[in-house]
Amino acid sequence: MSATSVAAQAQAPQAPTSALQPKESVARYHGTVEARDAESVRIRRPDGETVTVLMNVKTRLFIATAGRLRDIKPESYVSIVSVPGPDGKPKPIKVAIYSPSERGFEAGTKPWDAAPDARLTAGWIGGLSLDAPREVELVYEGGSKTFTIPPGTPTAQIAPGEKALLVPGADVVVLARKDAEGVVNADLVAVGRSGTEPTL
């Protein structure tokens, strides 16, 4: 961390029991909403393929609104999608800042299919530089990672949402499981508002 870094928190809080803890069988679907009814949403993916995802009472709904890197504060909980950079260091390509109720979501680091060789890292702020490019240390149980975030990196604020936001044309990211019969059941649906990309 630079001289302007905020001191690391003494101990990262534990993830709330409500935090989603998907298993390896969870798949990520990204696209735009084509249609929705009370129990499902049909998504058109970037390759033109459509997929219908079922929602139930356990499906979590997030809304993504426009965010800025300067919205990251010492008390924030943040996730960063990164890819290997030319210097071998992780290069952030998406940033999400979570509302207090969603802190603990996906805490840790794991492969993520938002881009080739991408990883999702989520945690509490351990250190934060105030200069550009902004340097952020994310702390989670068992480790930490430091990222230098380029100016202009897509950033969103993530908060609890509702089905009414799933309107045609809205950008969505879905974490879902496919059962033995091929039915896709959503664990989580994140929908962008006013053109915002859900940066998951």
N, C-alpha and C. Protein backbone atom coordinates (compact mmCIF):
# COMPACT_ATOMS: atom_id res chain seq x y z
N MET A 1 0.81 -1.19 0.00
CA MET A 1 0.00 0.00 0.00
C MET A 1 0.86 1.26 0.00
N SER A 2 0.39 2.34 -0.57
CA SER A 2 1.11 3.60 -0.61
C SER A 2 0.97 4.32 0.71
N ALA A 3 1.65 5.50 0.81
CA ALA A 3 1.62 6.27 2.04
C ALA A 3 0.22 6.72 2.39
N THR A 4 -0.63 6.78 1.37
CA THR A 4 -2.00 7.22 1.61
C THR A 4 -2.94 6.06 1.92
N SER A 5 -2.36 4.85 2.06
CA SER A 5 -3.20 3.68 2.31
C SER A 5 -3.91 3.79 3.65
N VAL A 6 -5.11 3.25 3.69
CA VAL A 6 -5.83 3.14 4.94
C VAL A 6 -5.35 1.88 5.64
N ALA A 7 -5.14 1.93 6.94
CA ALA A 7 -4.63 0.78 7.68
C ALA A 7 -5.59 -0.39 7.55
N ALA A 8 -5.02 -1.61 7.50
CA ALA A 8 -5.85 -2.81 7.38
C ALA A 8 -6.73 -2.97 8.60
N GLN A 9 -7.91 -3.46 8.39
CA GLN A 9 -8.81 -3.73 9.49
C GLN A 9 -8.21 -4.83 10.34
N ALA A 10 -8.47 -4.77 11.65
CA ALA A 10 -7.84 -5.72 12.56
C ALA A 10 -8.22 -7.14 12.20
N GLN A 11 -9.43 -7.34 11.82
CA GLN A 11 -9.87 -8.68 11.45
C GLN A 11 -11.08 -8.58 10.56
N ALA A 12 -11.06 -9.30 9.43
CA ALA A 12 -12.22 -9.26 8.54
C ALA A 12 -13.38 -9.95 9.20
N PRO A 13 -14.58 -9.35 9.16
CA PRO A 13 -15.75 -10.00 9.75
C PRO A 13 -16.11 -11.26 8.99
N GLN A 14 -16.79 -12.14 9.67
CA GLN A 14 -17.21 -13.38 9.04
C GLN A 14 -18.38 -13.13 8.11
N ALA A 15 -18.50 -13.94 7.05
CA ALA A 15 -19.62 -13.79 6.12
C ALA A 15 -20.92 -14.08 6.83
N PRO A 16 -21.97 -13.30 6.53
CA PRO A 16 -23.27 -13.56 7.15
C PRO A 16 -23.83 -14.87 6.65
N THR A 17 -24.67 -15.48 7.49
CA THR A 17 -25.23 -16.77 7.09
C THR A 17 -26.09 -16.66 5.86
N SER A 18 -26.55 -15.43 5.53
CA SER A 18 -27.41 -15.26 4.36
C SER A 18 -26.62 -15.20 3.07
N ALA A 19 -25.27 -15.10 3.16
CA ALA A 19 -24.48 -14.96 1.95
C ALA A 19 -24.58 -16.22 1.10
N LEU A 20 -24.72 -16.02 -0.18
CA LEU A 20 -24.81 -17.15 -1.10
C LEU A 20 -23.47 -17.84 -1.18
N GLN A 21 -23.44 -19.14 -1.06
CA GLN A 21 -22.22 -19.92 -1.14
C GLN A 21 -22.38 -20.97 -2.23
N PRO A 22 -22.32 -20.58 -3.49
CA PRO A 22 -22.57 -21.54 -4.55
C PRO A 22 -21.50 -22.62 -4.64
N LYS A 23 -21.91 -23.78 -5.07
CA LYS A 23 -20.98 -24.88 -5.25
C LYS A 23 -20.47 -24.86 -6.69
N GLU A 24 -19.59 -25.84 -7.00
CA GLU A 24 -18.97 -25.87 -8.32
C GLU A 24 -20.00 -26.09 -9.42
N SER A 25 -21.15 -26.64 -9.09
CA SER A 25 -22.16 -26.92 -10.10
C SER A 25 -22.89 -25.67 -10.57
N VAL A 26 -22.63 -24.54 -9.92
CA VAL A 26 -23.31 -23.30 -10.30
C VAL A 26 -22.67 -22.74 -11.57
N ALA A 27 -23.53 -22.38 -12.54
CA ALA A 27 -23.06 -21.79 -13.79
C ALA A 27 -23.47 -20.32 -13.84
N ARG A 28 -22.68 -19.53 -14.57
CA ARG A 28 -22.95 -18.10 -14.71
C ARG A 28 -23.53 -17.85 -16.10
N TYR A 29 -24.66 -17.15 -16.15
CA TYR A 29 -25.29 -16.78 -17.42
C TYR A 29 -25.37 -15.25 -17.48
N HIS A 30 -24.92 -14.70 -18.60
CA HIS A 30 -25.00 -13.24 -18.79
C HIS A 30 -25.75 -12.96 -20.08
N GLY A 31 -26.58 -11.94 -20.07
CA GLY A 31 -27.31 -11.57 -21.28
C GLY A 31 -28.30 -10.46 -21.00
N THR A 32 -29.30 -10.36 -21.86
CA THR A 32 -30.35 -9.37 -21.68
C THR A 32 -31.70 -10.07 -21.55
N VAL A 33 -32.58 -9.45 -20.80
CA VAL A 33 -33.91 -10.02 -20.58
C VAL A 33 -34.73 -9.93 -21.86
N GLU A 34 -35.32 -11.07 -22.26
CA GLU A 34 -36.27 -11.08 -23.38
C GLU A 34 -37.71 -11.06 -22.87
N ALA A 35 -37.95 -11.81 -21.81
CA ALA A 35 -39.31 -11.89 -21.26
C ALA A 35 -39.24 -12.42 -19.84
N ARG A 36 -40.28 -12.12 -19.08
CA ARG A 36 -40.35 -12.59 -17.69
C ARG A 36 -41.80 -12.86 -17.31
N ASP A 37 -42.00 -13.90 -16.52
CA ASP A 37 -43.30 -14.09 -15.87
C ASP A 37 -43.05 -14.26 -14.38
N ALA A 38 -44.03 -14.72 -13.64
CA ALA A 38 -43.90 -14.78 -12.18
C ALA A 38 -42.84 -15.77 -11.73
N GLU A 39 -42.54 -16.78 -12.55
CA GLU A 39 -41.66 -17.84 -12.10
C GLU A 39 -40.41 -18.02 -12.95
N SER A 40 -40.25 -17.27 -14.04
CA SER A 40 -39.09 -17.49 -14.90
C SER A 40 -38.71 -16.22 -15.63
N VAL A 41 -37.48 -16.23 -16.15
CA VAL A 41 -37.00 -15.14 -16.99
C VAL A 41 -36.25 -15.76 -18.17
N ARG A 42 -36.52 -15.25 -19.37
CA ARG A 42 -35.83 -15.73 -20.56
C ARG A 42 -34.75 -14.72 -20.92
N ILE A 43 -33.53 -15.24 -21.10
CA ILE A 43 -32.36 -14.40 -21.33
C ILE A 43 -31.78 -14.69 -22.71
N ARG A 44 -31.41 -13.65 -23.43
CA ARG A 44 -30.66 -13.81 -24.67
C ARG A 44 -29.20 -13.52 -24.38
N ARG A 45 -28.36 -14.53 -24.62
CA ARG A 45 -26.93 -14.40 -24.35
C ARG A 45 -26.22 -13.71 -25.51
N PRO A 46 -24.99 -13.24 -25.30
CA PRO A 46 -24.27 -12.51 -26.36
C PRO A 46 -24.11 -13.30 -27.65
N ASP A 47 -24.07 -14.66 -27.57
CA ASP A 47 -23.92 -15.47 -28.77
C ASP A 47 -25.24 -15.70 -29.49
N GLY A 48 -26.33 -15.11 -28.99
CA GLY A 48 -27.64 -15.26 -29.61
C GLY A 48 -28.49 -16.37 -29.02
N GLU A 49 -27.88 -17.25 -28.26
CA GLU A 49 -28.62 -18.34 -27.63
C GLU A 49 -29.55 -17.79 -26.55
N THR A 50 -30.71 -18.41 -26.41
CA THR A 50 -31.61 -18.02 -25.32
C THR A 50 -31.67 -19.13 -24.28
N VAL A 51 -31.86 -18.75 -23.04
CA VAL A 51 -31.99 -19.71 -21.95
C VAL A 51 -33.10 -19.22 -21.03
N THR A 52 -33.95 -20.15 -20.61
CA THR A 52 -35.01 -19.83 -19.66
C THR A 52 -34.59 -20.29 -18.28
N VAL A 53 -34.64 -19.38 -17.34
CA VAL A 53 -34.19 -19.64 -15.98
C VAL A 53 -35.39 -19.56 -15.04
N LEU A 54 -35.56 -20.60 -14.23
CA LEU A 54 -36.65 -20.60 -13.26
C LEU A 54 -36.23 -19.90 -11.98
N MET A 55 -37.16 -19.15 -11.38
CA MET A 55 -36.94 -18.49 -10.10
C MET A 55 -37.90 -19.07 -9.07
N ASN A 56 -37.46 -19.11 -7.81
CA ASN A 56 -38.32 -19.60 -6.74
C ASN A 56 -38.15 -18.71 -5.51
N VAL A 57 -38.74 -19.10 -4.40
CA VAL A 57 -38.71 -18.25 -3.21
C VAL A 57 -37.30 -18.08 -2.65
N LYS A 58 -36.39 -19.00 -3.02
CA LYS A 58 -35.01 -18.90 -2.53
C LYS A 58 -34.10 -18.10 -3.46
N THR A 59 -34.58 -17.78 -4.64
CA THR A 59 -33.76 -17.02 -5.59
C THR A 59 -33.52 -15.61 -5.05
N ARG A 60 -32.26 -15.21 -5.02
CA ARG A 60 -31.90 -13.88 -4.55
C ARG A 60 -31.86 -12.93 -5.74
N LEU A 61 -32.36 -11.73 -5.54
CA LEU A 61 -32.40 -10.72 -6.59
C LEU A 61 -31.57 -9.53 -6.18
N PHE A 62 -30.65 -9.14 -7.08
CA PHE A 62 -29.80 -7.97 -6.86
C PHE A 62 -30.12 -6.92 -7.91
N ILE A 63 -29.95 -5.66 -7.55
CA ILE A 63 -29.99 -4.57 -8.51
C ILE A 63 -28.60 -3.97 -8.59
N ALA A 64 -28.15 -3.70 -9.81
CA ALA A 64 -26.86 -3.05 -10.05
C ALA A 64 -27.10 -1.64 -10.55
N THR A 65 -26.58 -0.66 -9.83
CA THR A 65 -26.68 0.73 -10.26
C THR A 65 -25.29 1.29 -10.47
N ALA A 66 -25.20 2.38 -11.19
CA ALA A 66 -23.91 2.95 -11.55
C ALA A 66 -23.08 3.27 -10.31
N GLY A 67 -21.82 2.88 -10.34
CA GLY A 67 -20.89 3.17 -9.25
C GLY A 67 -19.62 3.80 -9.78
N ARG A 68 -18.81 4.28 -8.86
CA ARG A 68 -17.52 4.89 -9.19
C ARG A 68 -16.47 4.33 -8.26
N LEU A 69 -15.23 4.31 -8.72
CA LEU A 69 -14.16 3.78 -7.87
C LEU A 69 -14.05 4.57 -6.58
N ARG A 70 -14.35 5.85 -6.61
CA ARG A 70 -14.25 6.65 -5.40
C ARG A 70 -15.35 6.31 -4.39
N ASP A 71 -16.32 5.48 -4.81
CA ASP A 71 -17.33 5.01 -3.86
C ASP A 71 -16.78 3.95 -2.91
N ILE A 72 -15.61 3.39 -3.22
CA ILE A 72 -15.00 2.39 -2.35
C ILE A 72 -14.46 3.10 -1.11
N LYS A 73 -14.93 2.68 0.06
CA LYS A 73 -14.55 3.27 1.33
C LYS A 73 -13.88 2.21 2.21
N PRO A 74 -13.21 2.65 3.29
CA PRO A 74 -12.55 1.67 4.17
C PRO A 74 -13.48 0.60 4.71
N GLU A 75 -14.77 0.92 4.87
CA GLU A 75 -15.72 -0.05 5.42
C GLU A 75 -16.43 -0.87 4.34
N SER A 76 -16.07 -0.68 3.07
CA SER A 76 -16.78 -1.34 1.97
C SER A 76 -16.49 -2.84 1.90
N TYR A 77 -17.41 -3.55 1.28
CA TYR A 77 -17.21 -4.93 0.87
C TYR A 77 -17.27 -4.93 -0.65
N VAL A 78 -16.25 -5.51 -1.29
CA VAL A 78 -16.06 -5.34 -2.73
C VAL A 78 -15.71 -6.67 -3.38
N SER A 79 -16.17 -6.86 -4.63
CA SER A 79 -15.65 -7.97 -5.44
C SER A 79 -15.02 -7.40 -6.70
N ILE A 80 -13.99 -8.07 -7.16
CA ILE A 80 -13.26 -7.66 -8.36
C ILE A 80 -13.12 -8.87 -9.28
N VAL A 81 -13.55 -8.72 -10.52
CA VAL A 81 -13.27 -9.71 -11.55
C VAL A 81 -11.98 -9.28 -12.23
N SER A 82 -11.02 -10.20 -12.30
CA SER A 82 -9.72 -9.87 -12.89
C SER A 82 -9.27 -10.94 -13.87
N VAL A 83 -8.38 -10.54 -14.75
CA VAL A 83 -7.74 -11.46 -15.69
C VAL A 83 -6.23 -11.26 -15.57
N PRO A 84 -5.44 -12.24 -16.01
CA PRO A 84 -3.99 -12.06 -15.94
C PRO A 84 -3.54 -10.89 -16.81
N GLY A 85 -2.76 -9.98 -16.24
CA GLY A 85 -2.23 -8.86 -16.99
C GLY A 85 -0.93 -9.22 -17.68
N PRO A 86 -0.44 -8.36 -18.58
CA PRO A 86 0.80 -8.65 -19.30
C PRO A 86 2.01 -8.76 -18.39
N ASP A 87 1.93 -8.14 -17.20
CA ASP A 87 3.03 -8.21 -16.24
C ASP A 87 2.89 -9.37 -15.27
N GLY A 88 1.87 -10.21 -15.50
CA GLY A 88 1.65 -11.35 -14.63
C GLY A 88 0.78 -11.05 -13.43
N LYS A 89 0.48 -9.78 -13.19
CA LYS A 89 -0.37 -9.40 -12.07
C LYS A 89 -1.84 -9.41 -12.51
N PRO A 90 -2.76 -9.62 -11.58
CA PRO A 90 -4.18 -9.61 -11.96
C PRO A 90 -4.62 -8.21 -12.39
N LYS A 91 -5.33 -8.15 -13.52
CA LYS A 91 -5.82 -6.87 -14.04
C LYS A 91 -7.33 -6.81 -13.82
N PRO A 92 -7.82 -5.90 -12.98
CA PRO A 92 -9.27 -5.80 -12.75
C PRO A 92 -10.01 -5.37 -14.02
N ILE A 93 -11.13 -6.05 -14.29
CA ILE A 93 -11.97 -5.67 -15.43
C ILE A 93 -13.40 -5.32 -15.01
N LYS A 94 -13.78 -5.68 -13.77
CA LYS A 94 -15.11 -5.35 -13.25
C LYS A 94 -15.00 -5.19 -11.74
N VAL A 95 -15.73 -4.22 -11.21
CA VAL A 95 -15.73 -3.97 -9.76
C VAL A 95 -17.17 -3.87 -9.28
N ALA A 96 -17.48 -4.52 -8.16
CA ALA A 96 -18.80 -4.42 -7.54
C ALA A 96 -18.64 -4.02 -6.08
N ILE A 97 -19.45 -3.05 -5.66
CA ILE A 97 -19.45 -2.56 -4.29
C ILE A 97 -20.81 -2.93 -3.68
N TYR A 98 -20.80 -3.67 -2.58
CA TYR A 98 -22.03 -4.27 -2.05
C TYR A 98 -22.64 -3.46 -0.92
N SER A 99 -23.97 -3.48 -0.86
CA SER A 99 -24.67 -2.85 0.25
C SER A 99 -24.37 -3.65 1.53
N PRO A 100 -24.54 -3.04 2.71
CA PRO A 100 -24.22 -3.74 3.96
C PRO A 100 -24.89 -5.10 4.10
N SER A 101 -26.12 -5.24 3.61
CA SER A 101 -26.83 -6.51 3.76
C SER A 101 -26.23 -7.64 2.94
N GLU A 102 -25.41 -7.30 1.94
CA GLU A 102 -24.84 -8.32 1.06
C GLU A 102 -23.36 -8.57 1.33
N ARG A 103 -22.81 -7.98 2.37
CA ARG A 103 -21.41 -8.20 2.69
C ARG A 103 -21.18 -9.66 3.06
N GLY A 104 -20.14 -10.24 2.52
CA GLY A 104 -19.87 -11.66 2.69
C GLY A 104 -20.15 -12.46 1.43
N PHE A 105 -20.80 -11.84 0.44
CA PHE A 105 -21.12 -12.53 -0.81
C PHE A 105 -19.85 -13.00 -1.51
N GLU A 106 -19.76 -14.31 -1.75
CA GLU A 106 -18.66 -14.92 -2.51
C GLU A 106 -17.29 -14.60 -1.92
N ALA A 107 -17.18 -14.46 -0.60
CA ALA A 107 -15.89 -14.12 0.01
C ALA A 107 -14.83 -15.14 -0.37
N GLY A 108 -13.67 -14.65 -0.82
CA GLY A 108 -12.58 -15.50 -1.25
C GLY A 108 -12.21 -15.24 -2.68
N THR A 109 -11.50 -16.17 -3.30
CA THR A 109 -11.11 -16.02 -4.70
C THR A 109 -11.32 -17.34 -5.42
N LYS A 110 -11.82 -17.28 -6.64
CA LYS A 110 -12.17 -18.50 -7.37
C LYS A 110 -12.21 -18.21 -8.87
N PRO A 111 -12.09 -19.24 -9.71
CA PRO A 111 -12.26 -19.03 -11.16
C PRO A 111 -13.65 -18.49 -11.45
N TRP A 112 -13.74 -17.66 -12.49
CA TRP A 112 -15.01 -17.01 -12.83
C TRP A 112 -15.07 -16.89 -14.35
N ASP A 113 -16.18 -17.24 -14.98
CA ASP A 113 -16.21 -17.31 -16.44
C ASP A 113 -16.68 -16.03 -17.12
N ALA A 114 -16.45 -14.89 -16.46
CA ALA A 114 -16.80 -13.61 -17.10
C ALA A 114 -15.87 -13.29 -18.26
N ALA A 115 -14.70 -13.92 -18.30
CA ALA A 115 -13.71 -13.73 -19.37
C ALA A 115 -12.74 -14.89 -19.29
N PRO A 116 -11.98 -15.17 -20.37
CA PRO A 116 -11.00 -16.25 -20.32
C PRO A 116 -10.02 -16.05 -19.16
N ASP A 117 -9.81 -17.10 -18.38
CA ASP A 117 -8.87 -17.10 -17.25
C ASP A 117 -9.22 -16.09 -16.17
N ALA A 118 -10.47 -15.68 -16.11
CA ALA A 118 -10.88 -14.68 -15.10
C ALA A 118 -11.03 -15.33 -13.73
N ARG A 119 -10.90 -14.49 -12.71
CA ARG A 119 -11.16 -14.89 -11.34
C ARG A 119 -12.02 -13.83 -10.67
N LEU A 120 -12.84 -14.28 -9.73
CA LEU A 120 -13.61 -13.38 -8.89
C LEU A 120 -12.99 -13.40 -7.50
N THR A 121 -12.64 -12.23 -7.00
CA THR A 121 -12.11 -12.10 -5.65
C THR A 121 -13.01 -11.14 -4.89
N ALA A 122 -13.48 -11.55 -3.72
CA ALA A 122 -14.38 -10.71 -2.93
C ALA A 122 -13.90 -10.68 -1.49
N GLY A 123 -14.00 -9.51 -0.88
CA GLY A 123 -13.58 -9.40 0.51
C GLY A 123 -13.76 -8.00 1.07
N TRP A 124 -13.33 -7.86 2.29
CA TRP A 124 -13.39 -6.57 2.98
C TRP A 124 -12.14 -5.76 2.68
N ILE A 125 -12.23 -4.47 2.81
CA ILE A 125 -11.09 -3.61 2.51
C ILE A 125 -10.04 -3.74 3.61
N GLY A 126 -8.83 -4.15 3.20
CA GLY A 126 -7.71 -4.21 4.13
C GLY A 126 -6.80 -3.02 3.97
N GLY A 127 -6.76 -2.46 2.77
CA GLY A 127 -5.96 -1.27 2.48
C GLY A 127 -6.52 -0.60 1.25
N LEU A 128 -6.42 0.72 1.21
CA LEU A 128 -7.03 1.48 0.12
C LEU A 128 -6.23 2.75 -0.12
N SER A 129 -5.65 2.88 -1.32
CA SER A 129 -4.95 4.12 -1.64
C SER A 129 -5.94 5.14 -2.16
N LEU A 130 -5.64 6.39 -1.93
CA LEU A 130 -6.51 7.47 -2.35
C LEU A 130 -6.06 8.09 -3.66
N ASP A 131 -4.95 7.61 -4.19
CA ASP A 131 -4.40 8.15 -5.43
C ASP A 131 -4.86 7.31 -6.62
N ALA A 132 -4.76 7.86 -7.81
CA ALA A 132 -5.05 7.12 -9.04
C ALA A 132 -3.73 6.65 -9.66
N PRO A 133 -3.68 5.41 -10.18
CA PRO A 133 -4.75 4.40 -10.14
C PRO A 133 -4.94 3.88 -8.72
N ARG A 134 -6.17 3.61 -8.38
CA ARG A 134 -6.51 3.21 -7.01
C ARG A 134 -6.04 1.79 -6.73
N GLU A 135 -5.35 1.64 -5.60
CA GLU A 135 -4.88 0.33 -5.16
C GLU A 135 -5.75 -0.15 -4.01
N VAL A 136 -6.24 -1.38 -4.13
CA VAL A 136 -7.18 -1.92 -3.15
C VAL A 136 -6.69 -3.29 -2.70
N GLU A 137 -6.66 -3.50 -1.40
CA GLU A 137 -6.39 -4.82 -0.85
C GLU A 137 -7.70 -5.40 -0.34
N LEU A 138 -8.05 -6.60 -0.82
CA LEU A 138 -9.24 -7.29 -0.36
C LEU A 138 -8.82 -8.41 0.59
N VAL A 139 -9.45 -8.44 1.75
CA VAL A 139 -9.14 -9.41 2.79
C VAL A 139 -10.32 -10.35 2.97
N TYR A 140 -10.03 -11.64 3.04
CA TYR A 140 -11.07 -12.65 3.23
C TYR A 140 -10.48 -13.76 4.08
N GLU A 141 -11.32 -14.64 4.54
CA GLU A 141 -10.83 -15.72 5.40
C GLU A 141 -9.77 -16.54 4.68
N GLY A 142 -8.60 -16.62 5.26
CA GLY A 142 -7.53 -17.43 4.70
C GLY A 142 -6.61 -16.71 3.74
N GLY A 143 -6.83 -15.41 3.49
CA GLY A 143 -5.92 -14.74 2.56
C GLY A 143 -6.32 -13.32 2.23
N SER A 144 -5.60 -12.77 1.28
CA SER A 144 -5.87 -11.42 0.80
C SER A 144 -5.24 -11.26 -0.57
N LYS A 145 -5.73 -10.29 -1.34
CA LYS A 145 -5.16 -9.97 -2.65
C LYS A 145 -5.20 -8.46 -2.84
N THR A 146 -4.17 -7.95 -3.51
CA THR A 146 -4.09 -6.52 -3.79
C THR A 146 -4.22 -6.28 -5.29
N PHE A 147 -5.02 -5.30 -5.65
CA PHE A 147 -5.28 -4.97 -7.05
C PHE A 147 -5.01 -3.49 -7.30
N THR A 148 -4.48 -3.21 -8.47
CA THR A 148 -4.39 -1.83 -8.95
C THR A 148 -5.48 -1.67 -10.00
N ILE A 149 -6.46 -0.82 -9.71
CA ILE A 149 -7.65 -0.72 -10.57
C ILE A 149 -7.48 0.43 -11.55
N PRO A 150 -7.46 0.15 -12.85
CA PRO A 150 -7.32 1.23 -13.85
C PRO A 150 -8.51 2.17 -13.81
N PRO A 151 -8.29 3.46 -14.03
CA PRO A 151 -9.42 4.39 -14.14
C PRO A 151 -10.37 3.94 -15.25
N GLY A 152 -11.65 4.10 -15.03
CA GLY A 152 -12.63 3.72 -16.04
C GLY A 152 -13.08 2.27 -15.98
N THR A 153 -12.53 1.48 -15.04
CA THR A 153 -12.98 0.10 -14.91
C THR A 153 -14.47 0.06 -14.56
N PRO A 154 -15.29 -0.72 -15.29
CA PRO A 154 -16.73 -0.78 -14.98
C PRO A 154 -16.98 -1.10 -13.52
N THR A 155 -17.78 -0.26 -12.89
CA THR A 155 -18.04 -0.37 -11.45
C THR A 155 -19.53 -0.21 -11.19
N ALA A 156 -20.06 -1.07 -10.33
CA ALA A 156 -21.49 -1.00 -10.00
C ALA A 156 -21.69 -1.12 -8.50
N GLN A 157 -22.78 -0.51 -8.04
CA GLN A 157 -23.24 -0.69 -6.67
C GLN A 157 -24.27 -1.82 -6.68
N ILE A 158 -24.12 -2.79 -5.77
CA ILE A 158 -25.00 -3.95 -5.72
C ILE A 158 -25.84 -3.91 -4.45
N ALA A 159 -27.16 -4.06 -4.61
CA ALA A 159 -28.08 -4.02 -3.48
C ALA A 159 -29.24 -4.98 -3.75
N PRO A 160 -30.04 -5.30 -2.74
CA PRO A 160 -31.20 -6.17 -2.97
C PRO A 160 -32.15 -5.58 -4.01
N GLY A 161 -32.69 -6.44 -4.88
CA GLY A 161 -33.58 -5.99 -5.95
C GLY A 161 -34.91 -6.72 -5.89
N GLU A 162 -35.67 -6.62 -6.99
CA GLU A 162 -36.98 -7.26 -7.06
C GLU A 162 -37.28 -7.65 -8.51
N LYS A 163 -38.23 -8.57 -8.69
CA LYS A 163 -38.54 -9.09 -10.02
C LYS A 163 -39.02 -8.01 -10.98
N ALA A 164 -39.66 -6.97 -10.46
CA ALA A 164 -40.19 -5.92 -11.32
C ALA A 164 -39.11 -5.24 -12.15
N LEU A 165 -37.85 -5.38 -11.73
CA LEU A 165 -36.74 -4.77 -12.46
C LEU A 165 -36.36 -5.56 -13.71
N LEU A 166 -36.86 -6.79 -13.81
CA LEU A 166 -36.51 -7.66 -14.94
C LEU A 166 -37.38 -7.32 -16.14
N VAL A 167 -37.08 -6.20 -16.75
CA VAL A 167 -37.84 -5.73 -17.91
C VAL A 167 -37.07 -6.06 -19.18
N PRO A 168 -37.75 -6.23 -20.33
CA PRO A 168 -37.06 -6.54 -21.58
C PRO A 168 -35.95 -5.53 -21.88
N GLY A 169 -34.79 -6.09 -22.25
CA GLY A 169 -33.64 -5.26 -22.58
C GLY A 169 -32.69 -5.03 -21.43
N ALA A 170 -33.11 -5.34 -20.20
CA ALA A 170 -32.23 -5.13 -19.05
C ALA A 170 -31.08 -6.13 -19.08
N ASP A 171 -29.90 -5.67 -18.68
CA ASP A 171 -28.71 -6.51 -18.61
C ASP A 171 -28.77 -7.33 -17.33
N VAL A 172 -28.52 -8.64 -17.43
CA VAL A 172 -28.59 -9.50 -16.25
C VAL A 172 -27.41 -10.45 -16.18
N VAL A 173 -27.07 -10.82 -14.95
CA VAL A 173 -26.16 -11.93 -14.68
C VAL A 173 -26.90 -12.88 -13.75
N VAL A 174 -26.89 -14.15 -14.10
CA VAL A 174 -27.60 -15.17 -13.32
C VAL A 174 -26.61 -16.24 -12.87
N LEU A 175 -26.68 -16.61 -11.61
CA LEU A 175 -25.98 -17.79 -11.11
C LEU A 175 -27.03 -18.85 -10.89
N ALA A 176 -26.87 -19.99 -11.59
CA ALA A 176 -27.94 -20.99 -11.59
C ALA A 176 -27.37 -22.39 -11.65
N ARG A 177 -28.22 -23.34 -11.31
CA ARG A 177 -27.88 -24.76 -11.36
C ARG A 177 -28.81 -25.47 -12.34
N LYS A 178 -28.24 -26.37 -13.12
CA LYS A 178 -29.04 -27.16 -14.06
C LYS A 178 -29.27 -28.53 -13.45
N ASP A 179 -30.56 -28.92 -13.34
CA ASP A 179 -30.86 -30.21 -12.72
C ASP A 179 -30.72 -31.34 -13.73
N ALA A 180 -31.01 -32.56 -13.28
CA ALA A 180 -30.83 -33.74 -14.12
C ALA A 180 -31.70 -33.72 -15.35
N GLU A 181 -32.79 -32.97 -15.32
CA GLU A 181 -33.69 -32.88 -16.47
C GLU A 181 -33.36 -31.69 -17.37
N GLY A 182 -32.28 -30.97 -17.04
CA GLY A 182 -31.88 -29.85 -17.87
C GLY A 182 -32.56 -28.54 -17.53
N VAL A 183 -33.33 -28.51 -16.44
CA VAL A 183 -34.00 -27.27 -16.03
C VAL A 183 -33.00 -26.39 -15.29
N VAL A 184 -32.95 -25.12 -15.66
CA VAL A 184 -32.01 -24.17 -15.05
C VAL A 184 -32.72 -23.42 -13.93
N ASN A 185 -32.24 -23.59 -12.71
CA ASN A 185 -32.84 -22.97 -11.53
C ASN A 185 -31.91 -21.91 -10.96
N ALA A 186 -32.41 -20.70 -10.83
CA ALA A 186 -31.56 -19.58 -10.43
C ALA A 186 -31.35 -19.53 -8.92
N ASP A 187 -30.08 -19.42 -8.52
CA ASP A 187 -29.75 -19.08 -7.14
C ASP A 187 -29.79 -17.56 -6.96
N LEU A 188 -29.31 -16.86 -7.99
CA LEU A 188 -29.19 -15.40 -7.91
C LEU A 188 -29.43 -14.79 -9.27
N VAL A 189 -30.13 -13.66 -9.30
CA VAL A 189 -30.31 -12.88 -10.52
C VAL A 189 -29.93 -11.44 -10.20
N ALA A 190 -28.94 -10.91 -10.92
CA ALA A 190 -28.53 -9.51 -10.76
C ALA A 190 -28.92 -8.76 -12.02
N VAL A 191 -29.68 -7.68 -11.86
CA VAL A 191 -30.18 -6.94 -13.01
C VAL A 191 -29.66 -5.51 -12.96
N GLY A 192 -29.18 -5.03 -14.11
CA GLY A 192 -28.70 -3.66 -14.20
C GLY A 192 -29.84 -2.68 -14.39
N ARG A 193 -29.71 -1.52 -13.78
CA ARG A 193 -30.73 -0.48 -13.90
C ARG A 193 -30.18 0.69 -14.71
N SER A 194 -31.01 1.21 -15.61
CA SER A 194 -30.65 2.38 -16.42
C SER A 194 -29.36 2.14 -17.20
N GLY A 195 -29.23 0.93 -17.76
CA GLY A 195 -28.09 0.62 -18.60
C GLY A 195 -26.84 0.18 -17.86
N THR A 196 -26.91 0.05 -16.55
CA THR A 196 -25.75 -0.39 -15.77
C THR A 196 -25.50 -1.87 -15.96
N GLU A 197 -24.25 -2.25 -16.13
CA GLU A 197 -23.87 -3.65 -16.24
C GLU A 197 -23.71 -4.25 -14.84
N PRO A 198 -24.33 -5.40 -14.56
CA PRO A 198 -24.06 -6.09 -13.30
C PRO A 198 -22.63 -6.63 -13.34
N THR A 199 -21.74 -6.05 -12.57
CA THR A 199 -20.31 -6.34 -12.70
C THR A 199 -19.91 -7.57 -11.89
N LEU A 200 -20.56 -8.71 -12.21
CA LEU A 200 -20.27 -9.97 -11.55
C LEU A 200 -19.74 -10.97 -12.56
